[in-house]
Amino acid sequence: MGKNAKPQLAIPFDEEPVANHMSKTNHKPGLSPFGRSLRSAPDKAVSHPATIASDRGLAPAGTGRPLLIDVPTLAAQLSVTIRFVRRLIAEDRVPYLKIGKFIRFDPSEISEWLDEQRVSAA
């Protein structure tokens, strides 16, 4: 080597460079970069009976009442935004129930309210 030549480091070809904290690929396979599993949930998960009943739109067995619906569900049924439904609540323009801090709607009351909102042709 001459006076100005830089020494070259020998890196074995069979070894991969070690990832550091700045590397984008420093996570383990099968895990997200945050360490969470990338596996999906089991196909047949066991659910609570109330959850199963709510999936069918029914209240838990023995109550005889329809399931109360929440703000996002009502918004989807009316094809409006959640913000609009919240404005209807704030202006007391829609019948609702307040259960603690939660807003819920009785489907039968909403059906009656919708009938009242109908505008007949002139």
PDB file of N, CA and C in Angstrom:
ATOM      1  N   MET A   1       0.835  -1.175   0.000  1.00  0.00           N
ATOM      2  CA  MET A   1       0.000   0.000   0.000  1.00  0.00           C
ATOM      3  C   MET A   1       0.876   1.232   0.000  1.00  0.00           C
ATOM      4  N   GLY A   2       0.337   2.229  -0.662  1.00  0.00           N
ATOM      5  CA  GLY A   2       1.063   3.481  -0.718  1.00  0.00           C
ATOM      6  C   GLY A   2       0.726   4.354   0.486  1.00  0.00           C
ATOM      7  N   LYS A   3       1.335   5.526   0.511  1.00  0.00           N
ATOM      8  CA  LYS A   3       1.128   6.423   1.640  1.00  0.00           C
ATOM      9  C   LYS A   3      -0.308   6.940   1.725  1.00  0.00           C
ATOM     10  N   ASN A   4      -0.970   7.188   0.618  1.00  0.00           N
ATOM     11  CA  ASN A   4      -2.310   7.770   0.599  1.00  0.00           C
ATOM     12  C   ASN A   4      -3.425   6.732   0.525  1.00  0.00           C
ATOM     13  N   ALA A   5      -3.105   5.479   0.428  1.00  0.00           N
ATOM     14  CA  ALA A   5      -4.119   4.439   0.304  1.00  0.00           C
ATOM     15  C   ALA A   5      -4.805   4.208   1.652  1.00  0.00           C
ATOM     16  N   LYS A   6      -6.145   4.081   1.606  1.00  0.00           N
ATOM     17  CA  LYS A   6      -6.918   3.829   2.831  1.00  0.00           C
ATOM     18  C   LYS A   6      -7.036   2.326   3.021  1.00  0.00           C
ATOM     19  N   PRO A   7      -6.924   1.874   4.246  1.00  0.00           N
ATOM     20  CA  PRO A   7      -7.093   0.441   4.472  1.00  0.00           C
ATOM     21  C   PRO A   7      -8.554   0.049   4.265  1.00  0.00           C
ATOM     22  N   GLN A   8      -8.791  -1.079   3.637  1.00  0.00           N
ATOM     23  CA  GLN A   8     -10.147  -1.556   3.406  1.00  0.00           C
ATOM     24  C   GLN A   8     -10.459  -2.638   4.413  1.00  0.00           C
ATOM     25  N   LEU A   9     -11.664  -2.572   4.959  1.00  0.00           N
ATOM     26  CA  LEU A   9     -12.102  -3.569   5.925  1.00  0.00           C
ATOM     27  C   LEU A   9     -12.661  -4.760   5.171  1.00  0.00           C
ATOM     28  N   ALA A  10     -12.313  -5.915   5.617  1.00  0.00           N
ATOM     29  CA  ALA A  10     -12.809  -7.128   4.986  1.00  0.00           C
ATOM     30  C   ALA A  10     -14.104  -7.555   5.679  1.00  0.00           C
ATOM     31  N   ILE A  11     -15.190  -7.667   4.897  1.00  0.00           N
ATOM     32  CA  ILE A  11     -16.477  -8.139   5.428  1.00  0.00           C
ATOM     33  C   ILE A  11     -16.727  -9.496   4.800  1.00  0.00           C
ATOM     34  N   PRO A  12     -16.875 -10.517   5.626  1.00  0.00           N
ATOM     35  CA  PRO A  12     -17.151 -11.844   5.057  1.00  0.00           C
ATOM     36  C   PRO A  12     -18.470 -11.824   4.279  1.00  0.00           C
ATOM     37  N   PHE A  13     -18.517 -12.515   3.153  1.00  0.00           N
ATOM     38  CA  PHE A  13     -19.707 -12.523   2.316  1.00  0.00           C
ATOM     39  C   PHE A  13     -20.837 -13.341   2.918  1.00  0.00           C
ATOM     40  N   ASP A  14     -20.577 -14.257   3.804  1.00  0.00           N
ATOM     41  CA  ASP A  14     -21.636 -15.097   4.364  1.00  0.00           C
ATOM     42  C   ASP A  14     -22.353 -14.437   5.541  1.00  0.00           C
ATOM     43  N   GLU A  15     -21.924 -13.283   5.980  1.00  0.00           N
ATOM     44  CA  GLU A  15     -22.590 -12.598   7.087  1.00  0.00           C
ATOM     45  C   GLU A  15     -23.311 -11.363   6.562  1.00  0.00           C
ATOM     46  N   GLU A  16     -24.516 -11.127   7.138  1.00  0.00           N
ATOM     47  CA  GLU A  16     -25.262  -9.922   6.774  1.00  0.00           C
ATOM     48  C   GLU A  16     -24.911  -8.825   7.760  1.00  0.00           C
ATOM     49  N   PRO A  17     -24.954  -7.582   7.327  1.00  0.00           N
ATOM     50  CA  PRO A  17     -24.671  -6.501   8.260  1.00  0.00           C
ATOM     51  C   PRO A  17     -25.703  -6.483   9.385  1.00  0.00           C
ATOM     52  N   VAL A  18     -25.298  -6.115  10.559  1.00  0.00           N
ATOM     53  CA  VAL A  18     -26.185  -6.062  11.719  1.00  0.00           C
ATOM     54  C   VAL A  18     -26.995  -4.773  11.639  1.00  0.00           C
ATOM     55  N   ALA A  19     -28.326  -4.903  11.847  1.00  0.00           N
ATOM     56  CA  ALA A  19     -29.202  -3.723  11.794  1.00  0.00           C
ATOM     57  C   ALA A  19     -29.041  -2.928  13.083  1.00  0.00           C
ATOM     58  N   ASN A  20     -29.037  -1.631  12.956  1.00  0.00           N
ATOM     59  CA  ASN A  20     -28.961  -0.785  14.143  1.00  0.00           C
ATOM     60  C   ASN A  20     -30.307  -0.119  14.387  1.00  0.00           C
ATOM     61  N   HIS A  21     -30.382   0.744  15.368  1.00  0.00           N
ATOM     62  CA  HIS A  21     -31.649   1.380  15.710  1.00  0.00           C
ATOM     63  C   HIS A  21     -32.151   2.325  14.623  1.00  0.00           C
ATOM     64  N   MET A  22     -31.325   2.710  13.705  1.00  0.00           N
ATOM     65  CA  MET A  22     -31.739   3.609  12.633  1.00  0.00           C
ATOM     66  C   MET A  22     -32.238   2.831  11.409  1.00  0.00           C
ATOM     67  N   SER A  23     -32.070   1.529  11.398  1.00  0.00           N
ATOM     68  CA  SER A  23     -32.449   0.717  10.261  1.00  0.00           C
ATOM     69  C   SER A  23     -33.963   0.581  10.186  1.00  0.00           C
ATOM     70  N   LYS A  24     -34.490   0.509   8.966  1.00  0.00           N
ATOM     71  CA  LYS A  24     -35.931   0.331   8.793  1.00  0.00           C
ATOM     72  C   LYS A  24     -36.341  -1.122   8.954  1.00  0.00           C
ATOM     73  N   THR A  25     -35.413  -2.025   8.923  1.00  0.00           N
ATOM     74  CA  THR A  25     -35.742  -3.449   8.990  1.00  0.00           C
ATOM     75  C   THR A  25     -35.212  -4.067  10.269  1.00  0.00           C
ATOM     76  N   ASN A  26     -35.429  -3.416  11.396  1.00  0.00           N
ATOM     77  CA  ASN A  26     -34.890  -3.959  12.635  1.00  0.00           C
ATOM     78  C   ASN A  26     -35.930  -4.702  13.454  1.00  0.00           C
ATOM     79  N   HIS A  27     -37.001  -5.171  12.822  1.00  0.00           N
ATOM     80  CA  HIS A  27     -37.982  -5.943  13.571  1.00  0.00           C
ATOM     81  C   HIS A  27     -37.918  -7.404  13.176  1.00  0.00           C
ATOM     82  N   LYS A  28     -38.450  -8.241  14.043  1.00  0.00           N
ATOM     83  CA  LYS A  28     -38.410  -9.678  13.801  1.00  0.00           C
ATOM     84  C   LYS A  28     -39.499 -10.069  12.812  1.00  0.00           C
ATOM     85  N   PRO A  29     -39.257 -11.112  12.007  1.00  0.00           N
ATOM     86  CA  PRO A  29     -40.291 -11.569  11.083  1.00  0.00           C
ATOM     87  C   PRO A  29     -41.514 -12.032  11.866  1.00  0.00           C
ATOM     88  N   GLY A  30     -42.718 -11.741  11.353  1.00  0.00           N
ATOM     89  CA  GLY A  30     -43.943 -12.136  12.027  1.00  0.00           C
ATOM     90  C   GLY A  30     -44.434 -11.108  13.028  1.00  0.00           C
ATOM     91  N   LEU A  31     -43.653 -10.058  13.267  1.00  0.00           N
ATOM     92  CA  LEU A  31     -44.068  -9.015  14.192  1.00  0.00           C
ATOM     93  C   LEU A  31     -44.082  -7.679  13.457  1.00  0.00           C
ATOM     94  N   SER A  32     -44.987  -6.825  13.874  1.00  0.00           N
ATOM     95  CA  SER A  32     -45.001  -5.487  13.304  1.00  0.00           C
ATOM     96  C   SER A  32     -43.818  -4.717  13.872  1.00  0.00           C
ATOM     97  N   PRO A  33     -43.495  -3.556  13.329  1.00  0.00           N
ATOM     98  CA  PRO A  33     -42.390  -2.779  13.884  1.00  0.00           C
ATOM     99  C   PRO A  33     -42.595  -2.409  15.351  1.00  0.00           C
ATOM    100  N   PHE A  34     -43.836  -2.523  15.835  1.00  0.00           N
ATOM    101  CA  PHE A  34     -44.134  -2.202  17.223  1.00  0.00           C
ATOM    102  C   PHE A  34     -44.127  -3.429  18.125  1.00  0.00           C
ATOM    103  N   GLY A  35     -43.772  -4.582  17.579  1.00  0.00           N
ATOM    104  CA  GLY A  35     -43.662  -5.797  18.372  1.00  0.00           C
ATOM    105  C   GLY A  35     -44.958  -6.575  18.502  1.00  0.00           C
ATOM    106  N   ARG A  36     -46.014  -6.169  17.782  1.00  0.00           N
ATOM    107  CA  ARG A  36     -47.289  -6.874  17.846  1.00  0.00           C
ATOM    108  C   ARG A  36     -47.310  -7.975  16.798  1.00  0.00           C
ATOM    109  N   SER A  37     -48.036  -9.029  17.086  1.00  0.00           N
ATOM    110  CA  SER A  37     -48.139 -10.144  16.170  1.00  0.00           C
ATOM    111  C   SER A  37     -48.886  -9.750  14.915  1.00  0.00           C
ATOM    112  N   LEU A  38     -48.451 -10.250  13.767  1.00  0.00           N
ATOM    113  CA  LEU A  38     -49.127  -9.987  12.510  1.00  0.00           C
ATOM    114  C   LEU A  38     -50.141 -11.080  12.177  1.00  0.00           C
ATOM    115  N   ARG A  39     -50.239 -12.087  13.033  1.00  0.00           N
ATOM    116  CA  ARG A  39     -51.191 -13.164  12.800  1.00  0.00           C
ATOM    117  C   ARG A  39     -52.602 -12.658  13.002  1.00  0.00           C
ATOM    118  N   SER A  40     -53.525 -13.174  12.202  1.00  0.00           N
ATOM    119  CA  SER A  40     -54.923 -12.756  12.345  1.00  0.00           C
ATOM    120  C   SER A  40     -55.563 -13.508  13.508  1.00  0.00           C
ATOM    121  N   ALA A  41     -56.712 -13.013  13.934  1.00  0.00           N
ATOM    122  CA  ALA A  41     -57.446 -13.636  15.033  1.00  0.00           C
ATOM    123  C   ALA A  41     -57.959 -14.989  14.581  1.00  0.00           C
ATOM    124  N   PRO A  42     -58.210 -15.906  15.514  1.00  0.00           N
ATOM    125  CA  PRO A  42     -58.732 -17.219  15.140  1.00  0.00           C
ATOM    126  C   PRO A  42     -60.085 -17.081  14.438  1.00  0.00           C
ATOM    127  N   ASP A  43     -60.368 -18.003  13.519  1.00  0.00           N
ATOM    128  CA  ASP A  43     -61.611 -17.950  12.761  1.00  0.00           C
ATOM    129  C   ASP A  43     -62.837 -18.092  13.647  1.00  0.00           C
ATOM    130  N   LYS A  44     -62.802 -18.969  14.598  1.00  0.00           N
ATOM    131  CA  LYS A  44     -63.949 -19.248  15.451  1.00  0.00           C
ATOM    132  C   LYS A  44     -63.689 -18.732  16.851  1.00  0.00           C
ATOM    133  N   ALA A  45     -63.746 -17.430  17.035  1.00  0.00           N
ATOM    134  CA  ALA A  45     -63.532 -16.852  18.355  1.00  0.00           C
ATOM    135  C   ALA A  45     -64.795 -17.032  19.186  1.00  0.00           C
ATOM    136  N   VAL A  46     -64.632 -17.285  20.472  1.00  0.00           N
ATOM    137  CA  VAL A  46     -65.759 -17.446  21.378  1.00  0.00           C
ATOM    138  C   VAL A  46     -66.227 -16.061  21.791  1.00  0.00           C
ATOM    139  N   SER A  47     -67.533 -15.821  21.657  1.00  0.00           N
ATOM    140  CA  SER A  47     -68.096 -14.524  21.981  1.00  0.00           C
ATOM    141  C   SER A  47     -69.016 -14.617  23.186  1.00  0.00           C
ATOM    142  N   HIS A  48     -69.198 -13.502  23.817  1.00  0.00           N
ATOM    143  CA  HIS A  48     -70.149 -13.376  24.910  1.00  0.00           C
ATOM    144  C   HIS A  48     -71.552 -13.437  24.320  1.00  0.00           C
ATOM    145  N   PRO A  49     -72.532 -14.083  25.010  1.00  0.00           N
ATOM    146  CA  PRO A  49     -73.882 -14.177  24.453  1.00  0.00           C
ATOM    147  C   PRO A  49     -74.494 -12.831  24.086  1.00  0.00           C
ATOM    148  N   ALA A  50     -74.216 -11.777  24.866  1.00  0.00           N
ATOM    149  CA  ALA A  50     -74.767 -10.463  24.545  1.00  0.00           C
ATOM    150  C   ALA A  50     -74.193  -9.940  23.241  1.00  0.00           C
ATOM    151  N   THR A  51     -72.928 -10.266  22.969  1.00  0.00           N
ATOM    152  CA  THR A  51     -72.308  -9.844  21.720  1.00  0.00           C
ATOM    153  C   THR A  51     -72.955 -10.558  20.548  1.00  0.00           C
ATOM    154  N   ILE A  52     -73.210 -11.834  20.694  1.00  0.00           N
ATOM    155  CA  ILE A  52     -73.859 -12.600  19.636  1.00  0.00           C
ATOM    156  C   ILE A  52     -75.249 -12.046  19.376  1.00  0.00           C
ATOM    157  N   ALA A  53     -75.998 -11.740  20.448  1.00  0.00           N
ATOM    158  CA  ALA A  53     -77.332 -11.176  20.292  1.00  0.00           C
ATOM    159  C   ALA A  53     -77.276  -9.835  19.595  1.00  0.00           C
ATOM    160  N   SER A  54     -76.284  -9.009  19.944  1.00  0.00           N
ATOM    161  CA  SER A  54     -76.198  -7.688  19.327  1.00  0.00           C
ATOM    162  C   SER A  54     -75.830  -7.799  17.856  1.00  0.00           C
ATOM    163  N   ASP A  55     -75.105  -8.847  17.471  1.00  0.00           N
ATOM    164  CA  ASP A  55     -74.776  -9.041  16.066  1.00  0.00           C
ATOM    165  C   ASP A  55     -76.032  -9.284  15.238  1.00  0.00           C
ATOM    166  N   ARG A  56     -77.060  -9.860  15.853  1.00  0.00           N
ATOM    167  CA  ARG A  56     -78.308 -10.134  15.156  1.00  0.00           C
ATOM    168  C   ARG A  56     -79.308  -8.999  15.299  1.00  0.00           C
ATOM    169  N   GLY A  57     -78.965  -7.945  16.061  1.00  0.00           N
ATOM    170  CA  GLY A  57     -79.872  -6.827  16.244  1.00  0.00           C
ATOM    171  C   GLY A  57     -80.897  -7.067  17.329  1.00  0.00           C
ATOM    172  N   LEU A  58     -80.621  -7.998  18.220  1.00  0.00           N
ATOM    173  CA  LEU A  58     -81.546  -8.322  19.293  1.00  0.00           C
ATOM    174  C   LEU A  58     -80.925  -7.979  20.636  1.00  0.00           C
ATOM    175  N   ALA A  59     -81.785  -7.709  21.598  1.00  0.00           N
ATOM    176  CA  ALA A  59     -81.308  -7.501  22.961  1.00  0.00           C
ATOM    177  C   ALA A  59     -80.980  -8.859  23.556  1.00  0.00           C
ATOM    178  N   PRO A  60     -80.226  -8.917  24.662  1.00  0.00           N
ATOM    179  CA  PRO A  60     -79.943 -10.198  25.301  1.00  0.00           C
ATOM    180  C   PRO A  60     -81.230 -10.945  25.631  1.00  0.00           C
ATOM    181  N   ALA A  61     -81.155 -12.266  25.625  1.00  0.00           N
ATOM    182  CA  ALA A  61     -82.317 -13.126  25.808  1.00  0.00           C
ATOM    183  C   ALA A  61     -83.101 -12.764  27.062  1.00  0.00           C
ATOM    184  N   GLY A  62     -84.422 -12.795  26.942  1.00  0.00           N
ATOM    185  CA  GLY A  62     -85.294 -12.585  28.089  1.00  0.00           C
ATOM    186  C   GLY A  62     -85.719 -11.149  28.313  1.00  0.00           C
ATOM    187  N   THR A  63     -85.167 -10.187  27.601  1.00  0.00           N
ATOM    188  CA  THR A  63     -85.545  -8.792  27.847  1.00  0.00           C
ATOM    189  C   THR A  63     -86.767  -8.391  27.037  1.00  0.00           C
ATOM    190  N   GLY A  64     -86.985  -8.983  25.880  1.00  0.00           N
ATOM    191  CA  GLY A  64     -88.136  -8.660  25.054  1.00  0.00           C
ATOM    192  C   GLY A  64     -88.079  -7.275  24.427  1.00  0.00           C
ATOM    193  N   ARG A  65     -86.937  -6.605  24.486  1.00  0.00           N
ATOM    194  CA  ARG A  65     -86.787  -5.269  23.924  1.00  0.00           C
ATOM    195  C   ARG A  65     -85.843  -5.303  22.734  1.00  0.00           C
ATOM    196  N   PRO A  66     -86.069  -4.386  21.780  1.00  0.00           N
ATOM    197  CA  PRO A  66     -85.097  -4.304  20.681  1.00  0.00           C
ATOM    198  C   PRO A  66     -83.806  -3.672  21.189  1.00  0.00           C
ATOM    199  N   LEU A  67     -82.751  -3.948  20.514  1.00  0.00           N
ATOM    200  CA  LEU A  67     -81.450  -3.412  20.888  1.00  0.00           C
ATOM    201  C   LEU A  67     -81.418  -1.912  20.627  1.00  0.00           C
ATOM    202  N   LEU A  68     -80.927  -1.144  21.581  1.00  0.00           N
ATOM    203  CA  LEU A  68     -80.754   0.288  21.390  1.00  0.00           C
ATOM    204  C   LEU A  68     -79.579   0.499  20.454  1.00  0.00           C
ATOM    205  N   ILE A  69     -79.648   1.533  19.636  1.00  0.00           N
ATOM    206  CA  ILE A  69     -78.577   1.794  18.681  1.00  0.00           C
ATOM    207  C   ILE A  69     -77.793   3.033  19.100  1.00  0.00           C
ATOM    208  N   ASP A  70     -76.550   3.103  18.662  1.00  0.00           N
ATOM    209  CA  ASP A  70     -75.689   4.229  19.033  1.00  0.00           C
ATOM    210  C   ASP A  70     -75.622   5.248  17.901  1.00  0.00           C
ATOM    211  N   VAL A  71     -74.874   6.307  18.120  1.00  0.00           N
ATOM    212  CA  VAL A  71     -74.792   7.419  17.166  1.00  0.00           C
ATOM    213  C   VAL A  71     -74.264   6.971  15.798  1.00  0.00           C
ATOM    214  N   PRO A  72     -73.124   6.242  15.717  1.00  0.00           N
ATOM    215  CA  PRO A  72     -72.646   5.838  14.386  1.00  0.00           C
ATOM    216  C   PRO A  72     -73.632   4.943  13.635  1.00  0.00           C
ATOM    217  N   THR A  73     -74.356   4.087  14.358  1.00  0.00           N
ATOM    218  CA  THR A  73     -75.327   3.207  13.715  1.00  0.00           C
ATOM    219  C   THR A  73     -76.482   4.007  13.145  1.00  0.00           C
ATOM    220  N   LEU A  74     -76.993   4.974  13.934  1.00  0.00           N
ATOM    221  CA  LEU A  74     -78.085   5.815  13.438  1.00  0.00           C
ATOM    222  C   LEU A  74     -77.625   6.631  12.231  1.00  0.00           C
ATOM    223  N   ALA A  75     -76.425   7.162  12.296  1.00  0.00           N
ATOM    224  CA  ALA A  75     -75.901   7.931  11.166  1.00  0.00           C
ATOM    225  C   ALA A  75     -75.849   7.070   9.903  1.00  0.00           C
ATOM    226  N   ALA A  76     -75.414   5.841  10.048  1.00  0.00           N
ATOM    227  CA  ALA A  76     -75.344   4.936   8.889  1.00  0.00           C
ATOM    228  C   ALA A  76     -76.743   4.624   8.367  1.00  0.00           C
ATOM    229  N   GLN A  77     -77.705   4.405   9.273  1.00  0.00           N
ATOM    230  CA  GLN A  77     -79.068   4.094   8.847  1.00  0.00           C
ATOM    231  C   GLN A  77     -79.730   5.275   8.136  1.00  0.00           C
ATOM    232  N   LEU A  78     -79.409   6.487   8.559  1.00  0.00           N
ATOM    233  CA  LEU A  78     -79.995   7.681   7.952  1.00  0.00           C
ATOM    234  C   LEU A  78     -79.181   8.197   6.761  1.00  0.00           C
ATOM    235  N   SER A  79     -78.027   7.595   6.525  1.00  0.00           N
ATOM    236  CA  SER A  79     -77.106   8.021   5.457  1.00  0.00           C
ATOM    237  C   SER A  79     -76.681   9.475   5.643  1.00  0.00           C
ATOM    238  N   VAL A  80     -76.337   9.805   6.882  1.00  0.00           N
ATOM    239  CA  VAL A  80     -75.832  11.139   7.212  1.00  0.00           C
ATOM    240  C   VAL A  80     -74.542  10.964   8.008  1.00  0.00           C
ATOM    241  N   THR A  81     -73.878  12.066   8.305  1.00  0.00           N
ATOM    242  CA  THR A  81     -72.636  11.987   9.068  1.00  0.00           C
ATOM    243  C   THR A  81     -72.925  11.890  10.562  1.00  0.00           C
ATOM    244  N   ILE A  82     -71.957  11.408  11.283  1.00  0.00           N
ATOM    245  CA  ILE A  82     -72.048  11.341  12.741  1.00  0.00           C
ATOM    246  C   ILE A  82     -72.194  12.749  13.308  1.00  0.00           C
ATOM    247  N   ARG A  83     -71.478  13.682  12.706  1.00  0.00           N
ATOM    248  CA  ARG A  83     -71.554  15.070  13.172  1.00  0.00           C
ATOM    249  C   ARG A  83     -72.975  15.616  13.072  1.00  0.00           C
ATOM    250  N   PHE A  84     -73.688  15.276  12.001  1.00  0.00           N
ATOM    251  CA  PHE A  84     -75.058  15.739  11.835  1.00  0.00           C
ATOM    252  C   PHE A  84     -75.969  15.139  12.906  1.00  0.00           C
ATOM    253  N   VAL A  85     -75.803  13.859  13.201  1.00  0.00           N
ATOM    254  CA  VAL A  85     -76.611  13.222  14.248  1.00  0.00           C
ATOM    255  C   VAL A  85     -76.332  13.895  15.588  1.00  0.00           C
ATOM    256  N   ARG A  86     -75.079  14.188  15.872  1.00  0.00           N
ATOM    257  CA  ARG A  86     -74.752  14.872  17.130  1.00  0.00           C
ATOM    258  C   ARG A  86     -75.374  16.269  17.185  1.00  0.00           C
ATOM    259  N   ARG A  87     -75.477  16.923  16.047  1.00  0.00           N
ATOM    260  CA  ARG A  87     -76.127  18.235  16.024  1.00  0.00           C
ATOM    261  C   ARG A  87     -77.620  18.097  16.301  1.00  0.00           C
ATOM    262  N   LEU A  88     -78.260  17.056  15.742  1.00  0.00           N
ATOM    263  CA  LEU A  88     -79.667  16.795  16.035  1.00  0.00           C
ATOM    264  C   LEU A  88     -79.885  16.576  17.532  1.00  0.00           C
ATOM    265  N   ILE A  89     -78.957  15.877  18.160  1.00  0.00           N
ATOM    266  CA  ILE A  89     -79.045  15.628  19.610  1.00  0.00           C
ATOM    267  C   ILE A  89     -78.895  16.937  20.367  1.00  0.00           C
ATOM    268  N   ALA A  90     -77.908  17.738  20.018  1.00  0.00           N
ATOM    269  CA  ALA A  90     -77.641  18.991  20.716  1.00  0.00           C
ATOM    270  C   ALA A  90     -78.823  19.950  20.604  1.00  0.00           C
ATOM    271  N   GLU A  91     -79.521  19.896  19.492  1.00  0.00           N
ATOM    272  CA  GLU A  91     -80.666  20.775  19.271  1.00  0.00           C
ATOM    273  C   GLU A  91     -81.978  20.134  19.715  1.00  0.00           C
ATOM    274  N   ASP A  92     -81.916  18.949  20.333  1.00  0.00           N
ATOM    275  CA  ASP A  92     -83.103  18.191  20.783  1.00  0.00           C
ATOM    276  C   ASP A  92     -84.112  17.992  19.654  1.00  0.00           C
ATOM    277  N   ARG A  93     -83.611  17.683  18.471  1.00  0.00           N
ATOM    278  CA  ARG A  93     -84.478  17.464  17.315  1.00  0.00           C
ATOM    279  C   ARG A  93     -84.726  15.993  17.043  1.00  0.00           C
ATOM    280  N   VAL A  94     -84.110  15.100  17.813  1.00  0.00           N
ATOM    281  CA  VAL A  94     -84.272  13.660  17.632  1.00  0.00           C
ATOM    282  C   VAL A  94     -84.472  13.036  19.012  1.00  0.00           C
ATOM    283  N   PRO A  95     -85.370  12.032  19.133  1.00  0.00           N
ATOM    284  CA  PRO A  95     -85.551  11.388  20.442  1.00  0.00           C
ATOM    285  C   PRO A  95     -84.353  10.489  20.770  1.00  0.00           C
ATOM    286  N   TYR A  96     -83.832  10.638  21.974  1.00  0.00           N
ATOM    287  CA  TYR A  96     -82.687   9.826  22.382  1.00  0.00           C
ATOM    288  C   TYR A  96     -82.759   9.519  23.867  1.00  0.00           C
ATOM    289  N   LEU A  97     -81.984   8.545  24.275  1.00  0.00           N
ATOM    290  CA  LEU A  97     -81.856   8.165  25.679  1.00  0.00           C
ATOM    291  C   LEU A  97     -80.437   8.473  26.112  1.00  0.00           C
ATOM    292  N   LYS A  98     -80.301   8.933  27.326  1.00  0.00           N
ATOM    293  CA  LYS A  98     -78.966   9.152  27.864  1.00  0.00           C
ATOM    294  C   LYS A  98     -78.774   8.152  28.992  1.00  0.00           C
ATOM    295  N   ILE A  99     -77.846   7.246  28.815  1.00  0.00           N
ATOM    296  CA  ILE A  99     -77.539   6.216  29.808  1.00  0.00           C
ATOM    297  C   ILE A  99     -76.138   6.521  30.302  1.00  0.00           C
ATOM    298  N   GLY A 100     -76.070   7.186  31.452  1.00  0.00           N
ATOM    299  CA  GLY A 100     -74.779   7.661  31.935  1.00  0.00           C
ATOM    300  C   GLY A 100     -74.262   8.696  30.959  1.00  0.00           C
ATOM    301  N   LYS A 101     -73.093   8.454  30.423  1.00  0.00           N
ATOM    302  CA  LYS A 101     -72.524   9.383  29.433  1.00  0.00           C
ATOM    303  C   LYS A 101     -72.808   8.949  27.998  1.00  0.00           C
ATOM    304  N   PHE A 102     -73.537   7.854  27.839  1.00  0.00           N
ATOM    305  CA  PHE A 102     -73.757   7.292  26.516  1.00  0.00           C
ATOM    306  C   PHE A 102     -75.101   7.732  25.939  1.00  0.00           C
ATOM    307  N   ILE A 103     -75.117   8.036  24.651  1.00  0.00           N
ATOM    308  CA  ILE A 103     -76.331   8.387  23.921  1.00  0.00           C
ATOM    309  C   ILE A 103     -76.774   7.147  23.146  1.00  0.00           C
ATOM    310  N   ARG A 104     -78.042   6.778  23.325  1.00  0.00           N
ATOM    311  CA  ARG A 104     -78.607   5.628  22.614  1.00  0.00           C
ATOM    312  C   ARG A 104     -79.967   6.012  22.057  1.00  0.00           C
ATOM    313  N   PHE A 105     -80.411   5.249  21.047  1.00  0.00           N
ATOM    314  CA  PHE A 105     -81.683   5.507  20.394  1.00  0.00           C
ATOM    315  C   PHE A 105     -82.517   4.244  20.395  1.00  0.00           C
ATOM    316  N   ASP A 106     -83.834   4.408  20.648  1.00  0.00           N
ATOM    317  CA  ASP A 106     -84.780   3.301  20.564  1.00  0.00           C
ATOM    318  C   ASP A 106     -85.256   3.236  19.113  1.00  0.00           C
ATOM    319  N   PRO A 107     -85.065   2.117  18.433  1.00  0.00           N
ATOM    320  CA  PRO A 107     -85.439   2.036  17.017  1.00  0.00           C
ATOM    321  C   PRO A 107     -86.917   2.358  16.763  1.00  0.00           C
ATOM    322  N   SER A 108     -87.816   1.965  17.675  1.00  0.00           N
ATOM    323  CA  SER A 108     -89.237   2.260  17.460  1.00  0.00           C
ATOM    324  C   SER A 108     -89.495   3.762  17.556  1.00  0.00           C
ATOM    325  N   GLU A 109     -88.835   4.462  18.489  1.00  0.00           N
ATOM    326  CA  GLU A 109     -88.993   5.909  18.593  1.00  0.00           C
ATOM    327  C   GLU A 109     -88.412   6.618  17.367  1.00  0.00           C
ATOM    328  N   ILE A 110     -87.300   6.097  16.866  1.00  0.00           N
ATOM    329  CA  ILE A 110     -86.690   6.688  15.670  1.00  0.00           C
ATOM    330  C   ILE A 110     -87.623   6.496  14.476  1.00  0.00           C
ATOM    331  N   SER A 111     -88.262   5.334  14.386  1.00  0.00           N
ATOM    332  CA  SER A 111     -89.198   5.079  13.291  1.00  0.00           C
ATOM    333  C   SER A 111     -90.369   6.063  13.344  1.00  0.00           C
ATOM    334  N   GLU A 112     -90.929   6.283  14.540  1.00  0.00           N
ATOM    335  CA  GLU A 112     -92.023   7.255  14.704  1.00  0.00           C
ATOM    336  C   GLU A 112     -91.544   8.662  14.350  1.00  0.00           C
ATOM    337  N   TRP A 113     -90.341   9.018  14.798  1.00  0.00           N
ATOM    338  CA  TRP A 113     -89.782  10.336  14.527  1.00  0.00           C
ATOM    339  C   TRP A 113     -89.608  10.554  13.027  1.00  0.00           C
ATOM    340  N   LEU A 114     -89.150   9.510  12.327  1.00  0.00           N
ATOM    341  CA  LEU A 114     -88.978   9.616  10.881  1.00  0.00           C
ATOM    342  C   LEU A 114     -90.322   9.834  10.192  1.00  0.00           C
ATOM    343  N   ASP A 115     -91.377   9.144  10.673  1.00  0.00           N
ATOM    344  CA  ASP A 115     -92.709   9.349  10.102  1.00  0.00           C
ATOM    345  C   ASP A 115     -93.176  10.785  10.287  1.00  0.00           C
ATOM    346  N   GLU A 116     -92.852  11.383  11.443  1.00  0.00           N
ATOM    347  CA  GLU A 116     -93.227  12.774  11.715  1.00  0.00           C
ATOM    348  C   GLU A 116     -92.463  13.741  10.813  1.00  0.00           C
ATOM    349  N   GLN A 117     -91.273  13.337  10.366  1.00  0.00           N
ATOM    350  CA  GLN A 117     -90.436  14.219   9.548  1.00  0.00           C
ATOM    351  C   GLN A 117     -90.840  14.198   8.078  1.00  0.00           C
ATOM    352  N   ARG A 118     -91.714  13.272   7.725  1.00  0.00           N
ATOM    353  CA  ARG A 118     -92.106  13.122   6.312  1.00  0.00           C
ATOM    354  C   ARG A 118     -92.816  14.382   5.826  1.00  0.00           C
ATOM    355  N   VAL A 119     -92.439  14.834   4.649  1.00  0.00           N
ATOM    356  CA  VAL A 119     -93.050  16.007   4.024  1.00  0.00           C
ATOM    357  C   VAL A 119     -93.912  15.510   2.874  1.00  0.00           C
ATOM    358  N   SER A 120     -95.185  15.869   2.913  1.00  0.00           N
ATOM    359  CA  SER A 120     -96.071  15.403   1.851  1.00  0.00           C
ATOM    360  C   SER A 120     -95.913  16.277   0.610  1.00  0.00           C
ATOM    361  N   ALA A 121     -96.226  15.691  -0.521  1.00  0.00           N
ATOM    362  CA  ALA A 121     -96.116  16.415  -1.779  1.00  0.00           C
ATOM    363  C   ALA A 121     -97.207  17.480  -1.838  1.00  0.00           C
ATOM    364  N   ALA A 122     -96.881  18.621  -2.405  1.00  0.00           N
ATOM    365  CA  ALA A 122     -97.830  19.738  -2.464  1.00  0.00           C
ATOM    366  C   ALA A 122     -98.792  19.617  -3.598  1.00  0.00           C
TER     367      ALA A 122
END
